Amino acid sequence: MTSSIRSLTKQTLIYGVGTILARFVTFLLLPLYTNILPTADYGLAALVFAFIGFLIIIFNYGLDSAVMRFYGENADRERKTRMLSTAIWVTLASSLVLGAIIYSLDNYLGRVLLNDPAHARLIRLSAGILFFDAICHVPFALLRLENKPIQFIGIRIINVIVVFILNFYLVGGLKRGVDGIFESNLITSALTALILYVLIINKVRLKFSGAIAKDLALFGLPFIPAGLASVCMEMFNRYIIEHLIGLEAVGIFSAGFKLGIFMLLLTTAFYYAWQPFFMKAGPQESSRPLFARIFTYFVLVELTFWLVLTALMPEIVRFHIGKIYLIGKEYQSCEPMVPIILLGYVFFGINQVFLPGIYFEKKTRYLAYLTFLAAAVNVGVNFILVPSLGIVGSAYSSLIGYITLAVGGYFVSQRLFRVPYEIKRVGSLFLLTLTAGIAIYFGKPGLTIRILTLLIYPVVLILMGFLRKDEIATLKDFLPFKHKEE
């Protein structure tokens, strides 16, 4: 078990580095956007990004997950080549058709989604971004399947550098505003696609299998409603806020939501490693205690990060160098919503730990059911809380939606593949961490008290018996880069 968890830890850290580097551009660009753009302009950009977020689910239609499900189980090289080639040709054709449709509806979508047909250019730019992003999904999945995290990270780094330079040139230098944001993303997406296809072109043939395409579609299509519901949980609130409060509030909310990326980075890095890990482990008896222990450690890491970020959030939001703030002064009223968003991502990550049973039994339709339920709860609570609590109410809505998703995922997972999760142990961890975090959030103590709380936290964990002696003694076994002489 130790070696297996250490292997997962290595993969998590490797993909985590790539993910952090890729997403770190968000923090580099956040000061640019929030110190230069008015809140309404940033709100407009957030609505367009939400539109792209919804459409990319349809453009991809679970094809990358389907490739990961079937590609690895085929030992025959010819079969692998035919499957990969089929997936590539399918994604190229479908993305081209869908992109053309979006491009042709630019004026209509600009009027309906952005309240102004003058924003049709943003829709056209979005069509190009969607095309290039969609055709990258299968190549990225292949890199993960072939355990090539260095190439994965390298491409992400190039992506970060290009989009960073272009944004500073177009938005900061040429003052192209919202147009500059999406022009930068279009160029970067096209370059990323070019690099990926150069890497995999020698593995693609002029081969197509209708049977394989059907298998991929049947496995992947249920991801569409699940994906749409998932994006709805994360992005539809922008449209609700715009409708109930206004575009300026969308900008402030979106800036605060960006800070949730602290937790999202950790969750995403784990998922990149977790999905191929549990698929390889398989539905064996030995997998049950392994998955249970991974769940316990994952929750420990997530909640510890949440407590640290909650304690330091006032300093993070107001961090500045000279007159340049991490978040512009117009946007800093987002601070109260950030810890709530972060906690929501904790439950989002917990739900991912419960995926093995659904994948093992090929019951991907349950993903759709659960996510639709969670999205419906999220949207409904938004309409209840936003009028009275504003953007904080929307943050609570997201948290409640993710809790619904995690709880539902637990019961479905246990029905399909029972795992002896350490519920009481994890429950005591939640009780301690949430008590400390809530006290900090509402009590608003000074920095000294908050730092003391963080220092005392691990001591209390040990005193209450959460960290067992045998685990403390063998903790070094889980270090991913342990020296051989150890």
Protein backbone atom coordinates (compact mmCIF):
# COMPACT_ATOMS: atom_id res chain seq x y z
CA MET A 1 0.00 0.00 0.00
CA THR A 2 2.82 2.38 0.87
CA SER A 3 4.47 2.06 -2.55
CA SER A 4 1.15 2.53 -4.32
CA ILE A 5 0.31 5.69 -2.41
CA ARG A 6 3.84 6.99 -2.94
CA SER A 7 3.44 6.39 -6.68
CA LEU A 8 0.17 8.31 -6.68
CA THR A 9 1.83 11.11 -4.70
CA LYS A 10 4.61 11.35 -7.29
CA GLN A 11 2.15 11.59 -10.14
CA THR A 12 0.04 14.13 -8.25
CA LEU A 13 3.07 16.35 -7.65
CA ILE A 14 4.32 16.03 -11.22
CA TYR A 15 0.96 16.90 -12.74
CA GLY A 16 0.49 19.42 -9.95
CA VAL A 17 3.60 21.32 -11.00
CA GLY A 18 2.33 21.46 -14.56
CA THR A 19 -1.14 22.49 -13.49
CA ILE A 20 0.15 25.12 -11.08
CA LEU A 21 2.43 26.58 -13.74
CA ALA A 22 -0.42 26.62 -16.25
CA ARG A 23 -2.93 28.12 -13.85
CA PHE A 24 -0.47 30.53 -12.26
CA VAL A 25 -1.00 32.76 -15.26
CA THR A 26 -4.42 33.47 -13.73
CA PHE A 27 -2.72 35.17 -10.81
CA LEU A 28 -0.28 36.98 -13.05
CA LEU A 29 -3.14 38.29 -15.16
CA LEU A 30 -5.54 39.02 -12.30
CA PRO A 31 -3.66 42.20 -11.30
CA LEU A 32 -3.56 43.23 -14.96
CA TYR A 33 -7.29 42.79 -15.46
CA THR A 34 -8.48 44.16 -12.12
CA ASN A 35 -6.10 47.14 -12.06
CA ILE A 36 -6.87 48.16 -15.67
CA LEU A 37 -10.36 46.97 -16.59
CA PRO A 38 -13.53 48.45 -15.09
CA THR A 39 -15.61 45.92 -13.15
CA ALA A 40 -18.25 45.88 -15.90
CA ASP A 41 -15.67 44.98 -18.58
CA TYR A 42 -14.26 42.20 -16.45
CA GLY A 43 -17.83 41.04 -15.86
CA LEU A 44 -18.37 40.91 -19.64
CA ALA A 45 -15.22 38.82 -20.04
CA ALA A 46 -16.48 36.48 -17.30
CA LEU A 47 -19.76 35.94 -19.19
CA VAL A 48 -17.86 35.06 -22.38
CA PHE A 49 -15.61 32.65 -20.49
CA ALA A 50 -18.73 31.07 -18.99
CA PHE A 51 -20.12 30.65 -22.52
CA ILE A 52 -16.88 28.95 -23.60
CA GLY A 53 -16.99 26.76 -20.49
CA PHE A 54 -20.45 25.47 -21.40
CA LEU A 55 -19.69 24.92 -25.08
CA ILE A 56 -16.38 23.09 -24.59
CA ILE A 57 -18.33 20.28 -22.90
CA ILE A 58 -20.39 19.82 -26.05
CA PHE A 59 -17.36 20.17 -28.32
CA ASN A 60 -15.49 17.46 -26.39
CA TYR A 61 -18.51 15.23 -25.47
CA GLY A 62 -16.43 13.08 -23.13
CA LEU A 63 -14.17 11.82 -25.90
CA ASP A 64 -10.97 12.14 -23.86
CA SER A 65 -12.48 10.14 -20.98
CA ALA A 66 -13.66 7.50 -23.44
CA VAL A 67 -10.16 7.21 -24.92
CA MET A 68 -8.69 6.82 -21.45
CA ARG A 69 -11.26 4.13 -20.66
CA PHE A 70 -10.69 1.96 -23.76
CA TYR A 71 -7.23 2.77 -25.10
CA GLY A 72 -5.28 1.41 -22.16
CA GLU A 73 -7.09 -1.94 -22.00
CA ASN A 74 -6.08 -2.90 -25.55
CA ALA A 75 -2.76 -4.71 -25.75
CA ASP A 76 -2.88 -4.97 -29.54
CA ARG A 77 -0.85 -2.15 -31.11
CA GLU A 78 -2.93 -2.10 -34.31
CA ARG A 79 -6.11 -1.77 -32.26
CA LYS A 80 -4.58 1.12 -30.30
CA THR A 81 -3.61 2.90 -33.51
CA ARG A 82 -7.07 2.46 -35.00
CA MET A 83 -8.72 3.72 -31.83
CA LEU A 84 -6.49 6.79 -31.55
CA SER A 85 -6.87 7.62 -35.24
CA THR A 86 -10.64 7.27 -35.04
CA ALA A 87 -10.79 9.54 -32.00
CA ILE A 88 -8.62 12.18 -33.68
CA TRP A 89 -10.63 12.27 -36.91
CA VAL A 90 -13.90 12.36 -35.00
CA THR A 91 -12.82 15.25 -32.80
CA LEU A 92 -11.44 17.24 -35.76
CA ALA A 93 -14.63 16.83 -37.79
CA SER A 94 -17.09 17.51 -35.00
CA SER A 95 -15.14 20.51 -33.67
CA LEU A 96 -15.00 22.05 -37.14
CA VAL A 97 -18.74 21.69 -37.66
CA LEU A 98 -19.67 22.99 -34.21
CA GLY A 99 -17.21 25.87 -34.48
CA ALA A 100 -18.71 26.91 -37.82
CA ILE A 101 -22.19 26.90 -36.30
CA ILE A 102 -21.15 29.14 -33.40
CA TYR A 103 -19.32 31.48 -35.78
CA SER A 104 -22.39 31.85 -38.00
CA LEU A 105 -24.62 32.69 -35.00
CA ASP A 106 -22.35 35.47 -33.74
CA ASN A 107 -24.88 38.33 -33.86
CA TYR A 108 -27.70 36.28 -32.36
CA LEU A 109 -25.57 34.92 -29.51
CA GLY A 110 -24.08 38.35 -28.85
CA ARG A 111 -27.56 39.77 -28.39
CA VAL A 112 -28.99 36.88 -26.33
CA LEU A 113 -26.01 36.07 -24.09
CA LEU A 114 -24.21 39.41 -23.84
CA ASN A 115 -27.18 41.76 -24.26
CA ASP A 116 -25.58 43.52 -27.21
CA PRO A 117 -25.05 42.33 -30.82
CA ALA A 118 -22.01 44.63 -30.90
CA HIS A 119 -20.25 41.91 -28.92
CA ALA A 120 -20.53 39.49 -31.86
CA ARG A 121 -16.75 39.68 -32.36
CA LEU A 122 -16.28 38.06 -28.94
CA ILE A 123 -18.52 35.19 -30.06
CA ARG A 124 -16.43 34.71 -33.23
CA LEU A 125 -13.22 34.66 -31.20
CA SER A 126 -14.87 32.14 -28.87
CA ALA A 127 -15.67 29.85 -31.80
CA GLY A 128 -11.98 29.70 -32.71
CA ILE A 129 -10.91 29.10 -29.10
CA LEU A 130 -13.46 26.31 -28.75
CA PHE A 131 -12.24 24.58 -31.92
CA PHE A 132 -8.58 24.56 -30.95
CA ASP A 133 -9.22 23.70 -27.29
CA ALA A 134 -11.50 20.80 -28.25
CA ILE A 135 -9.02 19.14 -30.59
CA CYS A 136 -6.40 19.21 -27.82
CA HIS A 137 -8.32 16.97 -25.42
CA VAL A 138 -7.48 13.61 -27.00
CA PRO A 139 -3.73 14.36 -27.41
CA PHE A 140 -3.53 15.50 -23.79
CA ALA A 141 -5.31 12.29 -22.70
CA LEU A 142 -2.77 10.28 -24.69
CA LEU A 143 0.14 11.95 -22.87
CA ARG A 144 -1.43 11.00 -19.56
CA LEU A 145 -2.06 7.42 -20.66
CA GLU A 146 1.53 7.03 -21.82
CA ASN A 147 2.84 8.51 -18.56
CA LYS A 148 4.55 11.46 -20.20
CA PRO A 149 4.07 14.15 -17.57
CA ILE A 150 7.18 16.07 -18.65
CA GLN A 151 5.75 16.67 -22.13
CA PHE A 152 2.43 17.48 -20.50
CA ILE A 153 4.09 20.05 -18.24
CA GLY A 154 6.23 21.45 -21.06
CA ILE A 155 3.22 22.24 -23.22
CA ARG A 156 1.45 23.82 -20.27
CA ILE A 157 4.47 26.03 -19.61
CA ILE A 158 4.57 27.18 -23.22
CA ASN A 159 0.85 27.92 -22.96
CA VAL A 160 1.44 30.03 -19.85
CA ILE A 161 4.29 32.03 -21.35
CA VAL A 162 2.49 32.81 -24.61
CA VAL A 163 -0.85 33.80 -23.09
CA PHE A 164 0.93 35.90 -20.46
CA ILE A 165 3.00 37.82 -23.02
CA LEU A 166 0.07 38.32 -25.38
CA ASN A 167 -2.24 39.60 -22.64
CA PHE A 168 0.29 42.10 -21.42
CA TYR A 169 0.92 43.25 -24.99
CA LEU A 170 -2.70 43.40 -26.19
CA VAL A 171 -4.54 44.29 -22.96
CA GLY A 172 -1.87 46.17 -21.03
CA GLY A 173 0.09 47.68 -23.93
CA LEU A 174 -2.33 48.23 -26.79
CA LYS A 175 -5.31 48.69 -24.41
CA ARG A 176 -7.52 46.37 -26.45
CA GLY A 177 -9.61 45.57 -23.39
CA VAL A 178 -11.88 42.52 -23.48
CA ASP A 179 -11.11 41.89 -27.16
CA GLY A 180 -7.42 41.59 -26.29
CA ILE A 181 -8.15 38.93 -23.68
CA PHE A 182 -9.80 36.61 -26.18
CA GLU A 183 -7.40 37.37 -29.01
CA SER A 184 -4.61 36.25 -26.68
CA ASN A 185 -6.46 33.05 -25.83
CA LEU A 186 -7.18 32.25 -29.47
CA ILE A 187 -3.54 32.53 -30.52
CA THR A 188 -2.40 30.49 -27.52
CA SER A 189 -4.97 27.74 -28.13
CA ALA A 190 -3.92 27.45 -31.78
CA LEU A 191 -0.24 27.19 -30.84
CA THR A 192 -0.99 24.54 -28.20
CA ALA A 193 -2.91 22.45 -30.73
CA LEU A 194 -0.08 22.72 -33.25
CA ILE A 195 2.50 21.47 -30.73
CA LEU A 196 0.34 18.56 -29.59
CA TYR A 197 -0.37 17.36 -33.11
CA VAL A 198 3.30 17.55 -34.06
CA LEU A 199 3.98 15.22 -31.11
CA ILE A 200 1.33 12.63 -31.97
CA ILE A 201 1.14 12.85 -35.78
CA ASN A 202 3.33 9.76 -36.22
CA LYS A 203 0.76 7.72 -34.29
CA VAL A 204 -2.23 8.80 -36.37
CA ARG A 205 -3.23 6.97 -39.54
CA LEU A 206 -5.87 7.44 -42.20
CA LYS A 207 -7.96 4.86 -40.44
CA PHE A 208 -11.49 5.10 -39.12
CA SER A 209 -13.65 2.52 -37.37
CA GLY A 210 -17.37 3.09 -37.05
CA ALA A 211 -17.56 0.46 -34.30
CA ILE A 212 -14.83 2.18 -32.28
CA ALA A 213 -16.44 5.58 -32.82
CA LYS A 214 -19.71 4.14 -31.53
CA ASP A 215 -18.04 2.70 -28.42
CA LEU A 216 -16.31 6.00 -27.70
CA ALA A 217 -19.55 7.93 -28.19
CA LEU A 218 -21.64 5.61 -26.00
CA PHE A 219 -19.14 5.95 -23.16
CA GLY A 220 -18.49 9.66 -23.64
CA LEU A 221 -21.90 11.13 -24.45
CA PRO A 222 -23.24 10.73 -20.88
CA PHE A 223 -20.45 13.10 -19.89
CA ILE A 224 -22.22 15.92 -21.76
CA PRO A 225 -25.13 16.42 -19.34
CA ALA A 226 -22.82 15.75 -16.41
CA GLY A 227 -20.28 18.22 -17.77
CA LEU A 228 -22.89 20.85 -18.53
CA ALA A 229 -24.32 20.50 -15.06
CA SER A 230 -20.82 20.75 -13.60
CA VAL A 231 -20.07 23.93 -15.54
CA CYS A 232 -23.49 25.21 -14.57
CA MET A 233 -22.49 24.84 -10.92
CA GLU A 234 -19.34 26.84 -11.48
CA MET A 235 -20.33 29.42 -14.09
CA PHE A 236 -24.09 29.83 -14.47
CA ASN A 237 -24.13 31.95 -11.33
CA ARG A 238 -22.48 34.70 -13.40
CA TYR A 239 -25.62 35.00 -15.48
CA ILE A 240 -27.82 34.91 -12.37
CA ILE A 241 -25.76 37.65 -10.71
CA GLU A 242 -25.85 39.73 -13.91
CA HIS A 243 -29.63 39.35 -14.02
CA LEU A 244 -30.26 40.08 -10.31
CA ILE A 245 -27.50 42.59 -9.47
CA GLY A 246 -25.63 43.77 -12.57
CA LEU A 247 -22.51 43.38 -14.70
CA GLU A 248 -20.28 45.14 -12.17
CA ALA A 249 -21.15 42.53 -9.53
CA VAL A 250 -20.25 39.81 -12.03
CA GLY A 251 -16.78 41.32 -12.33
CA ILE A 252 -16.25 41.45 -8.56
CA PHE A 253 -17.60 37.92 -8.09
CA SER A 254 -15.39 36.56 -10.86
CA ALA A 255 -12.29 38.12 -9.32
CA GLY A 256 -13.09 36.45 -6.01
CA PHE A 257 -13.87 33.16 -7.72
CA LYS A 258 -10.43 33.28 -9.35
CA LEU A 259 -8.86 33.06 -5.91
CA GLY A 260 -10.61 29.73 -5.51
CA ILE A 261 -8.00 28.47 -7.91
CA PHE A 262 -5.72 27.95 -4.90
CA MET A 263 -7.79 24.90 -3.97
CA LEU A 264 -8.73 24.01 -7.53
CA LEU A 265 -5.04 23.60 -8.38
CA LEU A 266 -4.65 20.94 -5.72
CA THR A 267 -7.86 19.16 -6.69
CA THR A 268 -7.06 19.20 -10.40
CA ALA A 269 -3.53 17.93 -9.89
CA PHE A 270 -4.89 15.06 -7.82
CA TYR A 271 -7.51 14.19 -10.43
CA TYR A 272 -4.97 14.03 -13.26
CA ALA A 273 -3.06 11.39 -11.32
CA TRP A 274 -6.04 9.73 -9.61
CA GLN A 275 -8.04 8.77 -12.71
CA PRO A 276 -5.36 6.62 -14.41
CA PHE A 277 -4.22 5.35 -10.99
CA PHE A 278 -7.53 3.83 -9.92
CA MET A 279 -8.21 2.52 -13.42
CA LYS A 280 -4.94 0.59 -13.28
CA ALA A 281 -5.60 -0.59 -9.73
CA GLY A 282 -8.93 -2.02 -10.87
CA PRO A 283 -11.85 -3.43 -8.85
CA GLN A 284 -9.63 -5.76 -6.81
CA GLU A 285 -10.12 -6.55 -3.13
CA SER A 286 -6.72 -4.99 -2.42
CA SER A 287 -7.98 -1.73 -3.91
CA ARG A 288 -10.63 -1.20 -1.24
CA PRO A 289 -8.38 -0.44 1.77
CA LEU A 290 -5.97 1.42 -0.53
CA PHE A 291 -8.72 3.75 -1.77
CA ALA A 292 -9.96 4.26 1.79
CA ARG A 293 -6.57 5.37 3.04
CA ILE A 294 -6.08 7.67 0.03
CA PHE A 295 -9.43 9.29 0.83
CA THR A 296 -8.36 10.00 4.41
CA TYR A 297 -5.04 11.53 3.42
CA PHE A 298 -6.61 13.53 0.60
CA VAL A 299 -9.15 15.12 2.95
CA LEU A 300 -6.38 15.90 5.44
CA VAL A 301 -4.35 17.75 2.81
CA GLU A 302 -7.37 19.57 1.36
CA LEU A 303 -8.70 20.78 4.71
CA THR A 304 -5.25 21.85 5.88
CA PHE A 305 -4.85 23.96 2.73
CA TRP A 306 -8.33 25.40 3.24
CA LEU A 307 -7.57 26.44 6.82
CA VAL A 308 -4.27 28.07 5.85
CA LEU A 309 -5.84 29.99 2.97
CA THR A 310 -8.81 31.08 5.08
CA ALA A 311 -6.47 32.38 7.78
CA LEU A 312 -4.34 34.34 5.33
CA MET A 313 -7.04 35.52 2.90
CA PRO A 314 -7.15 39.16 4.13
CA GLU A 315 -3.43 39.50 3.38
CA ILE A 316 -3.75 37.70 0.03
CA VAL A 317 -6.59 39.92 -1.19
CA ARG A 318 -4.81 43.12 -0.19
CA PHE A 319 -1.34 42.10 -1.29
CA HIS A 320 0.29 44.78 -3.42
CA ILE A 321 3.61 45.95 -4.76
CA GLY A 322 3.59 49.70 -4.91
CA LYS A 323 0.31 50.75 -6.47
CA ILE A 324 -0.28 47.42 -8.20
CA TYR A 325 -2.63 45.17 -6.22
CA LEU A 326 -3.16 41.45 -6.65
CA ILE A 327 -6.81 42.41 -6.90
CA GLY A 328 -7.64 45.99 -7.79
CA LYS A 329 -9.25 48.08 -5.05
CA GLU A 330 -12.58 48.09 -6.91
CA TYR A 331 -12.69 44.30 -6.61
CA GLN A 332 -11.53 43.72 -3.01
CA SER A 333 -15.07 43.50 -1.65
CA CYS A 334 -14.97 39.90 -2.90
CA GLU A 335 -12.94 38.79 0.14
CA PRO A 336 -15.83 37.33 2.25
CA MET A 337 -16.85 34.93 -0.53
CA VAL A 338 -13.42 33.38 -1.14
CA PRO A 339 -13.17 30.94 1.84
CA ILE A 340 -16.64 29.66 0.96
CA ILE A 341 -15.60 28.99 -2.63
CA LEU A 342 -12.45 27.27 -1.38
CA LEU A 343 -14.48 24.97 0.86
CA GLY A 344 -16.73 24.15 -2.07
CA TYR A 345 -13.69 22.92 -4.00
CA VAL A 346 -12.78 20.69 -1.05
CA PHE A 347 -16.09 18.84 -1.53
CA PHE A 348 -15.58 18.85 -5.29
CA GLY A 349 -12.29 17.05 -4.75
CA ILE A 350 -13.88 14.61 -2.32
CA ASN A 351 -16.43 13.68 -4.96
CA GLN A 352 -13.58 12.80 -7.33
CA VAL A 353 -12.26 10.26 -4.84
CA PHE A 354 -15.61 8.46 -5.14
CA LEU A 355 -15.32 7.94 -8.91
CA PRO A 356 -13.82 4.39 -9.08
CA GLY A 357 -17.07 2.49 -8.63
CA ILE A 358 -18.81 4.46 -11.37
CA TYR A 359 -15.91 3.89 -13.77
CA PHE A 360 -15.46 0.21 -12.90
CA GLU A 361 -19.13 -0.55 -13.54
CA LYS A 362 -19.30 1.77 -16.57
CA LYS A 363 -22.25 3.58 -14.98
CA THR A 364 -21.29 7.03 -16.24
CA ARG A 365 -24.95 7.99 -16.41
CA TYR A 366 -24.83 8.34 -12.62
CA LEU A 367 -22.41 11.22 -13.10
CA ALA A 368 -25.11 13.00 -15.04
CA TYR A 369 -27.79 12.29 -12.43
CA LEU A 370 -25.67 13.45 -9.53
CA THR A 371 -24.34 16.55 -11.21
CA PHE A 372 -27.77 17.58 -12.44
CA LEU A 373 -29.09 17.27 -8.90
CA ALA A 374 -26.22 19.32 -7.52
CA ALA A 375 -26.58 21.94 -10.28
CA ALA A 376 -30.32 22.24 -9.66
CA VAL A 377 -29.67 22.76 -5.95
CA ASN A 378 -26.99 25.33 -6.73
CA VAL A 379 -29.14 27.33 -9.16
CA GLY A 380 -32.19 27.19 -6.90
CA VAL A 381 -30.26 28.38 -3.84
CA ASN A 382 -28.70 31.17 -5.93
CA PHE A 383 -32.12 32.67 -6.59
CA ILE A 384 -32.90 32.42 -2.87
CA LEU A 385 -29.67 33.81 -1.41
CA VAL A 386 -28.31 36.28 -3.99
CA PRO A 387 -31.11 38.88 -3.52
CA SER A 388 -30.35 39.08 0.22
CA LEU A 389 -26.65 38.21 0.49
CA GLY A 390 -25.33 39.35 -2.89
CA ILE A 391 -22.25 37.61 -4.29
CA VAL A 392 -21.63 35.88 -0.93
CA GLY A 393 -25.00 34.21 -1.35
CA SER A 394 -23.85 32.83 -4.69
CA ALA A 395 -20.70 31.48 -3.02
CA TYR A 396 -22.83 29.66 -0.43
CA SER A 397 -24.93 28.29 -3.28
CA SER A 398 -21.83 26.80 -4.89
CA LEU A 399 -20.76 25.25 -1.59
CA ILE A 400 -24.17 23.66 -1.04
CA GLY A 401 -24.12 22.32 -4.60
CA TYR A 402 -20.70 20.70 -4.15
CA ILE A 403 -21.74 19.18 -0.82
CA THR A 404 -24.77 17.68 -2.57
CA LEU A 405 -22.49 16.27 -5.27
CA ALA A 406 -20.07 14.73 -2.76
CA VAL A 407 -22.77 13.16 -0.59
CA GLY A 408 -24.55 11.73 -3.62
CA GLY A 409 -21.26 10.47 -5.05
CA TYR A 410 -20.50 8.67 -1.80
CA PHE A 411 -23.74 6.70 -1.73
CA VAL A 412 -23.61 5.78 -5.41
CA SER A 413 -19.96 4.75 -5.17
CA GLN A 414 -20.60 2.56 -2.13
CA ARG A 415 -23.43 0.83 -3.93
CA LEU A 416 -21.25 0.01 -6.95
CA PHE A 417 -17.90 -0.69 -5.27
CA ARG A 418 -17.90 -0.66 -1.48
CA VAL A 419 -14.84 0.90 0.13
CA PRO A 420 -14.27 0.95 3.93
CA TYR A 421 -13.81 4.72 4.16
CA GLU A 422 -12.69 5.95 7.59
CA ILE A 423 -15.79 8.08 8.10
CA LYS A 424 -15.43 8.68 11.83
CA ARG A 425 -11.79 9.60 11.45
CA VAL A 426 -12.48 12.00 8.60
CA GLY A 427 -15.50 13.37 10.47
CA SER A 428 -13.34 14.33 13.45
CA LEU A 429 -10.96 16.06 11.05
CA PHE A 430 -13.81 18.07 9.56
CA LEU A 431 -15.08 19.02 13.03
CA LEU A 432 -11.71 20.36 14.13
CA THR A 433 -10.83 22.16 10.90
CA LEU A 434 -14.23 23.76 10.33
CA THR A 435 -14.38 24.93 13.96
CA ALA A 436 -11.03 26.69 13.58
CA GLY A 437 -11.87 28.06 10.12
CA ILE A 438 -15.32 29.35 11.05
CA ALA A 439 -13.90 31.05 14.15
CA ILE A 440 -11.35 32.84 11.98
CA TYR A 441 -13.89 33.71 9.27
CA PHE A 442 -16.49 35.29 11.55
CA GLY A 443 -14.27 36.36 14.45
CA LYS A 444 -11.75 38.18 12.21
CA PRO A 445 -8.85 37.97 14.70
CA GLY A 446 -5.51 39.66 14.09
CA LEU A 447 -2.73 38.08 12.08
CA THR A 448 -0.87 36.87 15.18
CA ILE A 449 -3.87 34.87 16.44
CA ARG A 450 -4.44 33.40 13.00
CA ILE A 451 -0.83 32.24 12.69
CA LEU A 452 -0.94 30.74 16.21
CA THR A 453 -4.07 28.84 15.21
CA LEU A 454 -2.27 27.36 12.21
CA LEU A 455 0.71 26.34 14.38
CA ILE A 456 -1.51 24.70 16.99
CA TYR A 457 -3.63 22.85 14.41
CA PRO A 458 -1.21 19.93 13.69
CA VAL A 459 -0.50 19.57 17.43
CA VAL A 460 -4.21 19.15 18.14
CA LEU A 461 -4.44 16.58 15.33
CA ILE A 462 -1.76 14.51 17.02
CA LEU A 463 -3.27 14.91 20.50
CA MET A 464 -6.71 13.84 19.31
CA GLY A 465 -5.18 10.73 17.73
CA PHE A 466 -5.87 11.55 14.11
CA LEU A 467 -2.25 11.01 13.10
CA ARG A 468 -1.46 7.49 14.29
CA LYS A 469 1.96 6.53 15.61
CA ASP A 470 2.61 3.99 12.89
CA GLU A 471 1.72 6.56 10.23
CA ILE A 472 3.96 9.20 11.75
CA ALA A 473 6.81 6.70 11.95
CA THR A 474 6.44 5.72 8.30
CA LEU A 475 5.57 9.16 6.97
CA LYS A 476 8.85 9.30 5.09
CA ASP A 477 7.70 6.31 3.03
CA PHE A 478 5.16 8.54 1.37
CA LEU A 479 7.64 11.19 0.37
CA PRO A 480 7.61 11.11 -3.46
CA PHE A 481 11.30 11.88 -3.94
CA LYS A 482 12.83 9.79 -1.17
CA HIS A 483 16.58 9.20 -1.51
CA LYS A 484 17.58 5.67 -2.39
CA GLU A 485 19.86 5.32 0.62
CA GLU A 486 16.87 5.79 2.90
